[in-house]
Amino acid sequence: MRRPTIGTGTFGREMSYDERRVVNNIIVGTPDTVITKLTEIIEPLNPGSLHISGDEGPMPPQDVRRSIALFGREVVPALHEITLQPYA
């Protein structure tokens, strides 16, 4: 991956998997971990849309289905609660 993440010193150089995880270019983990990490991104930026890819890399189809199901059942509702809060 040669795409930089602003402020991380990664401009123009390939990043390892662990480096991408540290700067949230890749977000993996339990639904609670994903909710926490996405909240850290969404709250300060308040993006108009969020694009998620749930099947990157060599994952067996049953793992992809499980990941998508967990995301839809647990992560999306939690993010809706966060993003639909009225602004102060």
PDB file of N, CA and C in Angstrom:
ATOM      1  N   MET A   1       0.850  -1.179   0.000  1.00  0.00           N
ATOM      2  CA  MET A   1       0.000   0.000   0.000  1.00  0.00           C
ATOM      3  C   MET A   1       0.887   1.230   0.000  1.00  0.00           C
ATOM      4  N   ARG A   2       0.664   2.092  -0.929  1.00  0.00           N
ATOM      5  CA  ARG A   2       1.467   3.299  -1.026  1.00  0.00           C
ATOM      6  C   ARG A   2       0.662   4.561  -0.710  1.00  0.00           C
ATOM      7  N   ARG A   3      -0.579   4.389  -0.334  1.00  0.00           N
ATOM      8  CA  ARG A   3      -1.407   5.536  -0.008  1.00  0.00           C
ATOM      9  C   ARG A   3      -1.007   6.090   1.355  1.00  0.00           C
ATOM     10  N   PRO A   4      -0.685   7.381   1.449  1.00  0.00           N
ATOM     11  CA  PRO A   4      -0.256   7.934   2.737  1.00  0.00           C
ATOM     12  C   PRO A   4      -1.419   8.151   3.688  1.00  0.00           C
ATOM     13  N   THR A   5      -1.112   8.182   4.939  1.00  0.00           N
ATOM     14  CA  THR A   5      -2.047   8.611   5.956  1.00  0.00           C
ATOM     15  C   THR A   5      -1.452   9.869   6.560  1.00  0.00           C
ATOM     16  N   ILE A   6      -2.140  10.962   6.436  1.00  0.00           N
ATOM     17  CA  ILE A   6      -1.625  12.263   6.844  1.00  0.00           C
ATOM     18  C   ILE A   6      -1.144  12.226   8.289  1.00  0.00           C
ATOM     19  N   GLY A   7       0.050  12.756   8.500  1.00  0.00           N
ATOM     20  CA  GLY A   7       0.602  12.877   9.843  1.00  0.00           C
ATOM     21  C   GLY A   7       1.263  11.619  10.383  1.00  0.00           C
ATOM     22  N   THR A   8       1.424  10.599   9.544  1.00  0.00           N
ATOM     23  CA  THR A   8       2.001   9.346  10.038  1.00  0.00           C
ATOM     24  C   THR A   8       3.378   9.056   9.476  1.00  0.00           C
ATOM     25  N   GLY A   9       3.883   9.912   8.590  1.00  0.00           N
ATOM     26  CA  GLY A   9       5.186   9.675   7.992  1.00  0.00           C
ATOM     27  C   GLY A   9       5.183   8.534   6.996  1.00  0.00           C
ATOM     28  N   THR A  10       4.029   8.231   6.424  1.00  0.00           N
ATOM     29  CA  THR A  10       3.927   7.087   5.519  1.00  0.00           C
ATOM     30  C   THR A  10       3.870   7.500   4.051  1.00  0.00           C
ATOM     31  N   PHE A  11       4.008   8.772   3.760  1.00  0.00           N
ATOM     32  CA  PHE A  11       3.866   9.236   2.388  1.00  0.00           C
ATOM     33  C   PHE A  11       4.913   8.582   1.482  1.00  0.00           C
ATOM     34  N   GLY A  12       4.438   7.927   0.412  1.00  0.00           N
ATOM     35  CA  GLY A  12       5.322   7.379  -0.597  1.00  0.00           C
ATOM     36  C   GLY A  12       6.032   6.087  -0.240  1.00  0.00           C
ATOM     37  N   ARG A  13       5.691   5.482   0.864  1.00  0.00           N
ATOM     38  CA  ARG A  13       6.339   4.216   1.199  1.00  0.00           C
ATOM     39  C   ARG A  13       5.289   3.169   1.507  1.00  0.00           C
ATOM     40  N   GLU A  14       5.650   1.946   1.249  1.00  0.00           N
ATOM     41  CA  GLU A  14       4.734   0.846   1.501  1.00  0.00           C
ATOM     42  C   GLU A  14       4.568   0.644   3.007  1.00  0.00           C
ATOM     43  N   MET A  15       3.337   0.399   3.423  1.00  0.00           N
ATOM     44  CA  MET A  15       3.045   0.194   4.842  1.00  0.00           C
ATOM     45  C   MET A  15       2.785  -1.277   5.095  1.00  0.00           C
ATOM     46  N   SER A  16       3.236  -1.746   6.241  1.00  0.00           N
ATOM     47  CA  SER A  16       2.958  -3.128   6.636  1.00  0.00           C
ATOM     48  C   SER A  16       1.512  -3.228   7.126  1.00  0.00           C
ATOM     49  N   TYR A  17       1.056  -4.456   7.261  1.00  0.00           N
ATOM     50  CA  TYR A  17      -0.282  -4.708   7.793  1.00  0.00           C
ATOM     51  C   TYR A  17      -0.422  -4.074   9.178  1.00  0.00           C
ATOM     52  N   ASP A  18       0.558  -4.274  10.050  1.00  0.00           N
ATOM     53  CA  ASP A  18       0.486  -3.712  11.408  1.00  0.00           C
ATOM     54  C   ASP A  18       0.492  -2.193  11.385  1.00  0.00           C
ATOM     55  N   GLU A  19       1.285  -1.580  10.502  1.00  0.00           N
ATOM     56  CA  GLU A  19       1.286  -0.116  10.403  1.00  0.00           C
ATOM     57  C   GLU A  19      -0.088   0.395   9.953  1.00  0.00           C
ATOM     58  N   ARG A  20      -0.705  -0.310   9.023  1.00  0.00           N
ATOM     59  CA  ARG A  20      -2.037   0.094   8.559  1.00  0.00           C
ATOM     60  C   ARG A  20      -3.076  -0.035   9.666  1.00  0.00           C
ATOM     61  N   ARG A  21      -2.936  -1.071  10.501  1.00  0.00           N
ATOM     62  CA  ARG A  21      -3.864  -1.223  11.629  1.00  0.00           C
ATOM     63  C   ARG A  21      -3.695  -0.091  12.634  1.00  0.00           C
ATOM     64  N   VAL A  22      -2.454   0.294  12.919  1.00  0.00           N
ATOM     65  CA  VAL A  22      -2.182   1.332  13.918  1.00  0.00           C
ATOM     66  C   VAL A  22      -2.822   2.660  13.516  1.00  0.00           C
ATOM     67  N   VAL A  23      -2.791   2.991  12.226  1.00  0.00           N
ATOM     68  CA  VAL A  23      -3.351   4.265  11.773  1.00  0.00           C
ATOM     69  C   VAL A  23      -4.784   4.126  11.262  1.00  0.00           C
ATOM     70  N   ASN A  24      -5.413   2.979  11.561  1.00  0.00           N
ATOM     71  CA  ASN A  24      -6.820   2.710  11.216  1.00  0.00           C
ATOM     72  C   ASN A  24      -7.100   2.694   9.721  1.00  0.00           C
ATOM     73  N   ASN A  25      -6.091   2.372   8.897  1.00  0.00           N
ATOM     74  CA  ASN A  25      -6.364   2.103   7.486  1.00  0.00           C
ATOM     75  C   ASN A  25      -7.042   0.752   7.348  1.00  0.00           C
ATOM     76  N   ILE A  26      -6.780  -0.131   8.290  1.00  0.00           N
ATOM     77  CA  ILE A  26      -7.435  -1.430   8.374  1.00  0.00           C
ATOM     78  C   ILE A  26      -8.023  -1.525   9.777  1.00  0.00           C
ATOM     79  N   ILE A  27      -9.293  -1.831   9.857  1.00  0.00           N
ATOM     80  CA  ILE A  27      -9.936  -1.982  11.161  1.00  0.00           C
ATOM     81  C   ILE A  27     -10.459  -3.405  11.244  1.00  0.00           C
ATOM     82  N   VAL A  28      -9.925  -4.153  12.187  1.00  0.00           N
ATOM     83  CA  VAL A  28     -10.307  -5.552  12.379  1.00  0.00           C
ATOM     84  C   VAL A  28     -10.530  -5.814  13.855  1.00  0.00           C
ATOM     85  N   GLY A  29     -11.287  -6.852  14.151  1.00  0.00           N
ATOM     86  CA  GLY A  29     -11.469  -7.250  15.541  1.00  0.00           C
ATOM     87  C   GLY A  29     -12.907  -7.614  15.830  1.00  0.00           C
ATOM     88  N   THR A  30     -13.198  -7.675  17.105  1.00  0.00           N
ATOM     89  CA  THR A  30     -14.555  -7.981  17.549  1.00  0.00           C
ATOM     90  C   THR A  30     -15.476  -6.812  17.189  1.00  0.00           C
ATOM     91  N   PRO A  31     -16.788  -7.036  17.195  1.00  0.00           N
ATOM     92  CA  PRO A  31     -17.691  -5.906  16.954  1.00  0.00           C
ATOM     93  C   PRO A  31     -17.407  -4.724  17.892  1.00  0.00           C
ATOM     94  N   ASP A  32     -17.125  -4.990  19.168  1.00  0.00           N
ATOM     95  CA  ASP A  32     -16.834  -3.887  20.100  1.00  0.00           C
ATOM     96  C   ASP A  32     -15.585  -3.118  19.691  1.00  0.00           C
ATOM     97  N   THR A  33     -14.554  -3.823  19.236  1.00  0.00           N
ATOM     98  CA  THR A  33     -13.328  -3.168  18.776  1.00  0.00           C
ATOM     99  C   THR A  33     -13.608  -2.314  17.547  1.00  0.00           C
ATOM    100  N   VAL A  34     -14.361  -2.865  16.603  1.00  0.00           N
ATOM    101  CA  VAL A  34     -14.679  -2.136  15.374  1.00  0.00           C
ATOM    102  C   VAL A  34     -15.528  -0.912  15.698  1.00  0.00           C
ATOM    103  N   ILE A  35     -16.491  -1.045  16.573  1.00  0.00           N
ATOM    104  CA  ILE A  35     -17.326   0.090  16.978  1.00  0.00           C
ATOM    105  C   ILE A  35     -16.466   1.188  17.581  1.00  0.00           C
ATOM    106  N   THR A  36     -15.568   0.822  18.488  1.00  0.00           N
ATOM    107  CA  THR A  36     -14.694   1.804  19.138  1.00  0.00           C
ATOM    108  C   THR A  36     -13.831   2.532  18.121  1.00  0.00           C
ATOM    109  N   LYS A  37     -13.181   1.778  17.237  1.00  0.00           N
ATOM    110  CA  LYS A  37     -12.285   2.387  16.263  1.00  0.00           C
ATOM    111  C   LYS A  37     -13.048   3.267  15.267  1.00  0.00           C
ATOM    112  N   LEU A  38     -14.190   2.798  14.784  1.00  0.00           N
ATOM    113  CA  LEU A  38     -14.960   3.619  13.856  1.00  0.00           C
ATOM    114  C   LEU A  38     -15.513   4.867  14.540  1.00  0.00           C
ATOM    115  N   THR A  39     -15.892   4.752  15.792  1.00  0.00           N
ATOM    116  CA  THR A  39     -16.367   5.915  16.544  1.00  0.00           C
ATOM    117  C   THR A  39     -15.262   6.960  16.660  1.00  0.00           C
ATOM    118  N   GLU A  40     -14.031   6.516  16.893  1.00  0.00           N
ATOM    119  CA  GLU A  40     -12.895   7.443  16.985  1.00  0.00           C
ATOM    120  C   GLU A  40     -12.686   8.207  15.689  1.00  0.00           C
ATOM    121  N   ILE A  41     -13.073   7.605  14.578  1.00  0.00           N
ATOM    122  CA  ILE A  41     -12.936   8.265  13.280  1.00  0.00           C
ATOM    123  C   ILE A  41     -14.160   9.129  12.982  1.00  0.00           C
ATOM    124  N   ILE A  42     -15.341   8.593  13.225  1.00  0.00           N
ATOM    125  CA  ILE A  42     -16.580   9.263  12.848  1.00  0.00           C
ATOM    126  C   ILE A  42     -16.850  10.513  13.676  1.00  0.00           C
ATOM    127  N   GLU A  43     -16.673  10.429  14.978  1.00  0.00           N
ATOM    128  CA  GLU A  43     -17.053  11.563  15.833  1.00  0.00           C
ATOM    129  C   GLU A  43     -16.346  12.867  15.451  1.00  0.00           C
ATOM    130  N   PRO A  44     -15.019  12.888  15.295  1.00  0.00           N
ATOM    131  CA  PRO A  44     -14.404  14.174  14.954  1.00  0.00           C
ATOM    132  C   PRO A  44     -14.619  14.602  13.496  1.00  0.00           C
ATOM    133  N   LEU A  45     -14.791  13.646  12.590  1.00  0.00           N
ATOM    134  CA  LEU A  45     -14.900  13.990  11.172  1.00  0.00           C
ATOM    135  C   LEU A  45     -16.326  14.240  10.709  1.00  0.00           C
ATOM    136  N   ASN A  46     -17.303  13.554  11.325  1.00  0.00           N
ATOM    137  CA  ASN A  46     -18.698  13.666  10.940  1.00  0.00           C
ATOM    138  C   ASN A  46     -18.877  13.504   9.425  1.00  0.00           C
ATOM    139  N   PRO A  47     -18.434  12.355   8.881  1.00  0.00           N
ATOM    140  CA  PRO A  47     -18.517  12.173   7.426  1.00  0.00           C
ATOM    141  C   PRO A  47     -19.955  12.012   6.949  1.00  0.00           C
ATOM    142  N   GLY A  48     -20.193  12.386   5.707  1.00  0.00           N
ATOM    143  CA  GLY A  48     -21.515  12.225   5.120  1.00  0.00           C
ATOM    144  C   GLY A  48     -21.807  10.780   4.745  1.00  0.00           C
ATOM    145  N   SER A  49     -20.767  10.011   4.496  1.00  0.00           N
ATOM    146  CA  SER A  49     -20.953   8.600   4.178  1.00  0.00           C
ATOM    147  C   SER A  49     -19.718   7.818   4.631  1.00  0.00           C
ATOM    148  N   LEU A  50     -19.914   6.521   4.753  1.00  0.00           N
ATOM    149  CA  LEU A  50     -18.850   5.629   5.197  1.00  0.00           C
ATOM    150  C   LEU A  50     -18.899   4.398   4.308  1.00  0.00           C
ATOM    151  N   HIS A  51     -17.794   4.080   3.671  1.00  0.00           N
ATOM    152  CA  HIS A  51     -17.732   2.937   2.765  1.00  0.00           C
ATOM    153  C   HIS A  51     -16.933   1.828   3.433  1.00  0.00           C
ATOM    154  N   ILE A  52     -17.539   0.667   3.534  1.00  0.00           N
ATOM    155  CA  ILE A  52     -16.942  -0.471   4.227  1.00  0.00           C
ATOM    156  C   ILE A  52     -16.770  -1.623   3.245  1.00  0.00           C
ATOM    157  N   SER A  53     -15.631  -2.274   3.313  1.00  0.00           N
ATOM    158  CA  SER A  53     -15.393  -3.490   2.533  1.00  0.00           C
ATOM    159  C   SER A  53     -15.176  -4.618   3.530  1.00  0.00           C
ATOM    160  N   GLY A  54     -15.997  -5.644   3.455  1.00  0.00           N
ATOM    161  CA  GLY A  54     -15.930  -6.696   4.453  1.00  0.00           C
ATOM    162  C   GLY A  54     -15.299  -7.990   3.997  1.00  0.00           C
ATOM    163  N   ASP A  55     -14.696  -7.995   2.818  1.00  0.00           N
ATOM    164  CA  ASP A  55     -14.153  -9.264   2.337  1.00  0.00           C
ATOM    165  C   ASP A  55     -12.776  -9.107   1.693  1.00  0.00           C
ATOM    166  N   GLU A  56     -11.935  -8.314   2.276  1.00  0.00           N
ATOM    167  CA  GLU A  56     -10.584  -8.132   1.760  1.00  0.00           C
ATOM    168  C   GLU A  56      -9.713  -9.322   2.131  1.00  0.00           C
ATOM    169  N   GLY A  57      -8.873  -9.707   1.227  1.00  0.00           N
ATOM    170  CA  GLY A  57      -7.930 -10.779   1.521  1.00  0.00           C
ATOM    171  C   GLY A  57      -8.527 -12.156   1.329  1.00  0.00           C
ATOM    172  N   PRO A  58      -7.723 -13.159   1.590  1.00  0.00           N
ATOM    173  CA  PRO A  58      -8.141 -14.547   1.349  1.00  0.00           C
ATOM    174  C   PRO A  58      -8.987 -15.108   2.497  1.00  0.00           C
ATOM    175  N   MET A  59     -10.244 -14.721   2.532  1.00  0.00           N
ATOM    176  CA  MET A  59     -11.151 -15.217   3.567  1.00  0.00           C
ATOM    177  C   MET A  59     -12.079 -16.265   2.976  1.00  0.00           C
ATOM    178  N   PRO A  60     -12.294 -17.373   3.677  1.00  0.00           N
ATOM    179  CA  PRO A  60     -13.287 -18.348   3.216  1.00  0.00           C
ATOM    180  C   PRO A  60     -14.680 -17.704   3.189  1.00  0.00           C
ATOM    181  N   PRO A  61     -15.527 -18.124   2.257  1.00  0.00           N
ATOM    182  CA  PRO A  61     -16.865 -17.513   2.136  1.00  0.00           C
ATOM    183  C   PRO A  61     -17.659 -17.502   3.435  1.00  0.00           C
ATOM    184  N   GLN A  62     -17.564 -18.562   4.252  1.00  0.00           N
ATOM    185  CA  GLN A  62     -18.338 -18.579   5.497  1.00  0.00           C
ATOM    186  C   GLN A  62     -17.836 -17.505   6.470  1.00  0.00           C
ATOM    187  N   ASP A  63     -16.535 -17.189   6.446  1.00  0.00           N
ATOM    188  CA  ASP A  63     -16.011 -16.129   7.301  1.00  0.00           C
ATOM    189  C   ASP A  63     -16.470 -14.755   6.817  1.00  0.00           C
ATOM    190  N   VAL A  64     -16.531 -14.587   5.503  1.00  0.00           N
ATOM    191  CA  VAL A  64     -17.030 -13.328   4.942  1.00  0.00           C
ATOM    192  C   VAL A  64     -18.483 -13.124   5.357  1.00  0.00           C
ATOM    193  N   ARG A  65     -19.293 -14.162   5.211  1.00  0.00           N
ATOM    194  CA  ARG A  65     -20.715 -14.056   5.596  1.00  0.00           C
ATOM    195  C   ARG A  65     -20.863 -13.733   7.085  1.00  0.00           C
ATOM    196  N   ARG A  66     -20.071 -14.389   7.927  1.00  0.00           N
ATOM    197  CA  ARG A  66     -20.131 -14.135   9.375  1.00  0.00           C
ATOM    198  C   ARG A  66     -19.735 -12.693   9.679  1.00  0.00           C
ATOM    199  N   SER A  67     -18.679 -12.223   9.035  1.00  0.00           N
ATOM    200  CA  SER A  67     -18.213 -10.855   9.248  1.00  0.00           C
ATOM    201  C   SER A  67     -19.276  -9.843   8.846  1.00  0.00           C
ATOM    202  N   ILE A  68     -19.878 -10.050   7.685  1.00  0.00           N
ATOM    203  CA  ILE A  68     -20.916  -9.131   7.215  1.00  0.00           C
ATOM    204  C   ILE A  68     -22.128  -9.176   8.146  1.00  0.00           C
ATOM    205  N   ALA A  69     -22.501 -10.373   8.602  1.00  0.00           N
ATOM    206  CA  ALA A  69     -23.644 -10.505   9.519  1.00  0.00           C
ATOM    207  C   ALA A  69     -23.370  -9.793  10.843  1.00  0.00           C
ATOM    208  N   LEU A  70     -22.188  -9.979  11.406  1.00  0.00           N
ATOM    209  CA  LEU A  70     -21.844  -9.305  12.658  1.00  0.00           C
ATOM    210  C   LEU A  70     -21.831  -7.793  12.478  1.00  0.00           C
ATOM    211  N   PHE A  71     -21.304  -7.344  11.354  1.00  0.00           N
ATOM    212  CA  PHE A  71     -21.263  -5.907  11.094  1.00  0.00           C
ATOM    213  C   PHE A  71     -22.675  -5.338  11.032  1.00  0.00           C
ATOM    214  N   GLY A  72     -23.550  -6.023  10.298  1.00  0.00           N
ATOM    215  CA  GLY A  72     -24.928  -5.539  10.173  1.00  0.00           C
ATOM    216  C   GLY A  72     -25.733  -5.650  11.447  1.00  0.00           C
ATOM    217  N   ARG A  73     -25.506  -6.708  12.212  1.00  0.00           N
ATOM    218  CA  ARG A  73     -26.293  -6.959  13.423  1.00  0.00           C
ATOM    219  C   ARG A  73     -25.797  -6.152  14.618  1.00  0.00           C
ATOM    220  N   GLU A  74     -24.488  -5.921  14.726  1.00  0.00           N
ATOM    221  CA  GLU A  74     -23.948  -5.287  15.935  1.00  0.00           C
ATOM    222  C   GLU A  74     -23.306  -3.922  15.691  1.00  0.00           C
ATOM    223  N   VAL A  75     -22.528  -3.799  14.635  1.00  0.00           N
ATOM    224  CA  VAL A  75     -21.783  -2.551  14.421  1.00  0.00           C
ATOM    225  C   VAL A  75     -22.683  -1.444  13.887  1.00  0.00           C
ATOM    226  N   VAL A  76     -23.427  -1.728  12.840  1.00  0.00           N
ATOM    227  CA  VAL A  76     -24.265  -0.686  12.231  1.00  0.00           C
ATOM    228  C   VAL A  76     -25.248  -0.082  13.232  1.00  0.00           C
ATOM    229  N   PRO A  77     -25.996  -0.884  14.000  1.00  0.00           N
ATOM    230  CA  PRO A  77     -26.912  -0.257  14.974  1.00  0.00           C
ATOM    231  C   PRO A  77     -26.177   0.621  16.001  1.00  0.00           C
ATOM    232  N   ALA A  78     -25.012   0.182  16.442  1.00  0.00           N
ATOM    233  CA  ALA A  78     -24.253   0.995  17.405  1.00  0.00           C
ATOM    234  C   ALA A  78     -23.796   2.303  16.771  1.00  0.00           C
ATOM    235  N   LEU A  79     -23.375   2.257  15.521  1.00  0.00           N
ATOM    236  CA  LEU A  79     -22.948   3.488  14.845  1.00  0.00           C
ATOM    237  C   LEU A  79     -24.120   4.422  14.609  1.00  0.00           C
ATOM    238  N   HIS A  80     -25.291   3.870  14.344  1.00  0.00           N
ATOM    239  CA  HIS A  80     -26.485   4.707  14.181  1.00  0.00           C
ATOM    240  C   HIS A  80     -26.785   5.449  15.475  1.00  0.00           C
ATOM    241  N   GLU A  81     -26.646   4.792  16.603  1.00  0.00           N
ATOM    242  CA  GLU A  81     -26.870   5.458  17.882  1.00  0.00           C
ATOM    243  C   GLU A  81     -25.911   6.605  18.085  1.00  0.00           C
ATOM    244  N   ILE A  82     -24.671   6.417  17.682  1.00  0.00           N
ATOM    245  CA  ILE A  82     -23.642   7.446  17.837  1.00  0.00           C
ATOM    246  C   ILE A  82     -23.885   8.605  16.872  1.00  0.00           C
ATOM    247  N   THR A  83     -24.130   8.285  15.603  1.00  0.00           N
ATOM    248  CA  THR A  83     -24.225   9.332  14.592  1.00  0.00           C
ATOM    249  C   THR A  83     -25.565  10.049  14.587  1.00  0.00           C
ATOM    250  N   LEU A  84     -26.581   9.474  15.179  1.00  0.00           N
ATOM    251  CA  LEU A  84     -27.898  10.115  15.179  1.00  0.00           C
ATOM    252  C   LEU A  84     -28.148  10.939  16.433  1.00  0.00           C
ATOM    253  N   GLN A  85     -27.130  11.094  17.263  1.00  0.00           N
ATOM    254  CA  GLN A  85     -27.268  11.918  18.462  1.00  0.00           C
ATOM    255  C   GLN A  85     -27.384  13.391  18.046  1.00  0.00           C
ATOM    256  N   PRO A  86     -28.233  14.147  18.704  1.00  0.00           N
ATOM    257  CA  PRO A  86     -28.342  15.569  18.387  1.00  0.00           C
ATOM    258  C   PRO A  86     -27.054  16.300  18.764  1.00  0.00           C
ATOM    259  N   TYR A  87     -26.726  17.305  17.979  1.00  0.00           N
ATOM    260  CA  TYR A  87     -25.523  18.091  18.255  1.00  0.00           C
ATOM    261  C   TYR A  87     -25.798  19.102  19.344  1.00  0.00           C
ATOM    262  N   ALA A  88     -24.797  19.332  20.158  1.00  0.00           N
ATOM    263  CA  ALA A  88     -24.929  20.297  21.264  1.00  0.00           C
ATOM    264  C   ALA A  88     -24.779  21.713  20.771  1.00  0.00           C
TER     265      ALA A  88
END
